């Protein structure tokens, strides 16, 4: 059974949606939330990689111009 966001499920049910459709919608939203969490982790690695490359470029330029 897939995970779901209970607050979203409760909101759909209180809005008048049938319980089976509310459950499926809450499960779909939970799946998207898991996807975004994965992307956040990958973005963190990319930020560190870009920061390292910028620092290396600055070090190379400083060595060229100040040596």
N, C-alpha and C. Protein backbone atom coordinates (compact mmCIF):
# COMPACT_ATOMS: atom_id res chain seq x y z
N UNK A 1 0.84 -1.18 0.00
CA UNK A 1 0.00 0.00 0.00
C UNK A 1 0.88 1.24 0.00
N UNK A 2 0.53 2.20 -0.81
CA UNK A 2 1.32 3.42 -0.94
C UNK A 2 1.08 4.33 0.27
N UNK A 3 2.04 5.19 0.51
CA UNK A 3 1.87 6.16 1.59
C UNK A 3 1.01 7.31 1.09
N UNK A 4 0.39 8.01 2.02
CA UNK A 4 -0.42 9.15 1.65
C UNK A 4 -0.29 10.22 2.72
N UNK A 5 -0.65 11.42 2.36
CA UNK A 5 -0.63 12.54 3.29
C UNK A 5 -2.02 12.63 3.91
N UNK A 6 -2.11 12.41 5.20
CA UNK A 6 -3.42 12.33 5.85
C UNK A 6 -4.13 13.68 5.85
N UNK A 7 -3.39 14.78 5.96
CA UNK A 7 -4.03 16.10 5.94
C UNK A 7 -4.71 16.36 4.61
N UNK A 8 -4.06 15.96 3.52
CA UNK A 8 -4.63 16.14 2.19
C UNK A 8 -5.87 15.25 2.04
N UNK A 9 -5.76 14.02 2.51
CA UNK A 9 -6.90 13.10 2.46
C UNK A 9 -8.09 13.68 3.21
N UNK A 10 -7.84 14.17 4.42
CA UNK A 10 -8.92 14.75 5.22
C UNK A 10 -9.53 15.97 4.54
N UNK A 11 -8.70 16.77 3.90
CA UNK A 11 -9.21 17.96 3.21
C UNK A 11 -10.09 17.57 2.03
N UNK A 12 -9.67 16.57 1.27
CA UNK A 12 -10.49 16.13 0.14
C UNK A 12 -11.82 15.55 0.61
N UNK A 13 -11.79 14.75 1.67
CA UNK A 13 -13.03 14.15 2.18
C UNK A 13 -13.97 15.23 2.71
N UNK A 14 -13.41 16.21 3.43
CA UNK A 14 -14.26 17.28 3.96
C UNK A 14 -14.80 18.18 2.86
N UNK A 15 -14.11 18.21 1.71
CA UNK A 15 -14.59 19.00 0.57
C UNK A 15 -15.67 18.26 -0.20
N UNK A 16 -15.90 16.99 0.13
CA UNK A 16 -16.97 16.25 -0.51
C UNK A 16 -16.54 15.23 -1.54
N UNK A 17 -15.26 14.98 -1.64
CA UNK A 17 -14.78 13.97 -2.60
C UNK A 17 -15.03 12.57 -2.04
N UNK A 18 -15.30 11.61 -2.90
CA UNK A 18 -15.44 10.23 -2.42
C UNK A 18 -14.15 9.73 -1.78
N UNK A 19 -14.28 8.84 -0.81
CA UNK A 19 -13.11 8.40 -0.05
C UNK A 19 -12.06 7.72 -0.92
N UNK A 20 -12.48 6.91 -1.90
CA UNK A 20 -11.49 6.22 -2.72
C UNK A 20 -10.72 7.20 -3.60
N UNK A 21 -11.40 8.20 -4.14
CA UNK A 21 -10.71 9.21 -4.95
C UNK A 21 -9.82 10.10 -4.09
N UNK A 22 -10.28 10.42 -2.89
CA UNK A 22 -9.47 11.23 -1.98
C UNK A 22 -8.20 10.49 -1.59
N UNK A 23 -8.31 9.18 -1.35
CA UNK A 23 -7.15 8.38 -0.99
C UNK A 23 -6.14 8.33 -2.14
N UNK A 24 -6.64 8.11 -3.36
CA UNK A 24 -5.74 8.06 -4.51
C UNK A 24 -5.04 9.39 -4.75
N UNK A 25 -5.78 10.48 -4.59
CA UNK A 25 -5.18 11.81 -4.78
C UNK A 25 -4.12 12.09 -3.72
N UNK A 26 -4.39 11.71 -2.47
CA UNK A 26 -3.41 11.93 -1.40
C UNK A 26 -2.17 11.07 -1.61
N UNK A 27 -2.35 9.85 -2.13
CA UNK A 27 -1.20 9.00 -2.43
C UNK A 27 -0.37 9.58 -3.58
N UNK A 28 -1.04 10.14 -4.58
CA UNK A 28 -0.32 10.73 -5.71
C UNK A 28 0.50 11.93 -5.25
N UNK A 29 -0.07 12.76 -4.39
CA UNK A 29 0.67 13.91 -3.88
C UNK A 29 1.86 13.48 -3.02
N UNK A 30 1.70 12.41 -2.26
CA UNK A 30 2.81 11.91 -1.45
C UNK A 30 3.93 11.41 -2.34
N UNK A 31 3.58 10.81 -3.47
CA UNK A 31 4.60 10.34 -4.41
C UNK A 31 5.39 11.51 -4.98
N UNK A 32 4.70 12.60 -5.31
CA UNK A 32 5.40 13.79 -5.81
C UNK A 32 6.29 14.38 -4.74
N UNK A 33 5.85 14.35 -3.49
CA UNK A 33 6.68 14.88 -2.41
C UNK A 33 7.97 14.08 -2.28
N UNK A 34 7.89 12.77 -2.43
CA UNK A 34 9.09 11.93 -2.37
C UNK A 34 10.03 12.25 -3.52
N UNK A 35 9.48 12.52 -4.68
CA UNK A 35 10.32 12.88 -5.83
C UNK A 35 11.08 14.17 -5.56
N UNK A 36 10.40 15.18 -4.99
CA UNK A 36 11.06 16.45 -4.72
C UNK A 36 12.15 16.30 -3.67
N UNK A 37 11.95 15.44 -2.71
CA UNK A 37 12.97 15.19 -1.69
C UNK A 37 14.23 14.62 -2.33
N UNK A 38 14.05 13.73 -3.30
CA UNK A 38 15.19 13.16 -4.01
C UNK A 38 15.94 14.24 -4.79
N UNK A 39 15.20 15.14 -5.44
CA UNK A 39 15.82 16.21 -6.20
C UNK A 39 16.59 17.16 -5.30
N UNK A 40 16.07 17.42 -4.11
CA UNK A 40 16.77 18.31 -3.18
C UNK A 40 18.13 17.75 -2.80
N UNK A 41 18.22 16.45 -2.59
CA UNK A 41 19.50 15.82 -2.27
C UNK A 41 20.49 15.92 -3.42
N UNK A 42 19.98 15.71 -4.64
CA UNK A 42 20.85 15.82 -5.81
C UNK A 42 21.30 17.26 -6.03
N UNK A 43 20.43 18.23 -5.76
CA UNK A 43 20.81 19.63 -5.91
C UNK A 43 21.89 20.03 -4.92
N UNK A 44 21.85 19.46 -3.74
CA UNK A 44 22.88 19.76 -2.74
C UNK A 44 24.25 19.34 -3.25
N UNK A 45 24.34 18.18 -3.85
CA UNK A 45 25.61 17.70 -4.41
C UNK A 45 26.06 18.62 -5.55
N UNK A 46 25.13 19.01 -6.40
CA UNK A 46 25.48 19.89 -7.51
C UNK A 46 25.96 21.26 -7.02
N UNK A 47 25.36 21.78 -5.96
CA UNK A 47 25.80 23.06 -5.41
C UNK A 47 27.24 22.97 -4.91
N UNK A 48 27.57 21.87 -4.23
CA UNK A 48 28.94 21.71 -3.74
C UNK A 48 29.92 21.58 -4.91
N UNK A 49 29.51 20.88 -5.95
CA UNK A 49 30.39 20.71 -7.11
C UNK A 49 30.65 22.05 -7.79
N UNK A 50 29.61 22.85 -7.97
CA UNK A 50 29.77 24.17 -8.60
C UNK A 50 30.63 25.07 -7.72
N UNK A 51 30.42 25.03 -6.43
CA UNK A 51 31.23 25.83 -5.51
C UNK A 51 32.70 25.45 -5.58
N UNK A 52 32.97 24.16 -5.67
CA UNK A 52 34.36 23.70 -5.78
C UNK A 52 35.00 24.18 -7.08
N UNK A 53 34.27 24.11 -8.18
CA UNK A 53 34.80 24.54 -9.47
C UNK A 53 35.05 26.04 -9.47
N UNK A 54 34.14 26.82 -8.89
CA UNK A 54 34.35 28.27 -8.81
C UNK A 54 35.57 28.59 -7.97
N UNK A 55 35.73 27.93 -6.83
CA UNK A 55 36.90 28.17 -5.98
C UNK A 55 38.19 27.79 -6.70
N UNK A 56 38.17 26.70 -7.45
CA UNK A 56 39.35 26.29 -8.20
C UNK A 56 39.68 27.31 -9.29
N UNK A 57 38.65 27.81 -9.99
CA UNK A 57 38.88 28.83 -11.02
C UNK A 57 39.46 30.11 -10.42
N UNK A 58 38.95 30.53 -9.28
CA UNK A 58 39.47 31.72 -8.62
C UNK A 58 40.92 31.51 -8.20
N UNK A 59 41.24 30.32 -7.70
CA UNK A 59 42.62 30.04 -7.30
C UNK A 59 43.54 30.06 -8.51
N UNK A 60 43.12 29.53 -9.63
CA UNK A 60 43.94 29.52 -10.84
C UNK A 60 44.14 30.94 -11.35
N UNK A 61 43.07 31.73 -11.39
CA UNK A 61 43.20 33.12 -11.85
C UNK A 61 44.07 33.94 -10.92
N UNK A 62 43.97 33.72 -9.60
CA UNK A 62 44.82 34.44 -8.66
C UNK A 62 46.29 34.06 -8.88
N UNK A 63 46.53 32.82 -9.15
CA UNK A 63 47.92 32.38 -9.39
C UNK A 63 48.48 32.98 -10.68
N UNK A 64 47.64 33.08 -11.71
CA UNK A 64 48.09 33.62 -12.99
C UNK A 64 48.37 35.12 -12.87
N UNK A 65 47.48 35.86 -12.24
CA UNK A 65 47.61 37.30 -12.22
C UNK A 65 48.50 37.84 -11.10
N UNK A 66 48.68 37.10 -10.03
CA UNK A 66 49.46 37.60 -8.91
C UNK A 66 50.79 36.90 -8.71
N UNK A 67 51.20 36.10 -9.68
CA UNK A 67 52.50 35.43 -9.56
C UNK A 67 53.48 35.96 -10.56
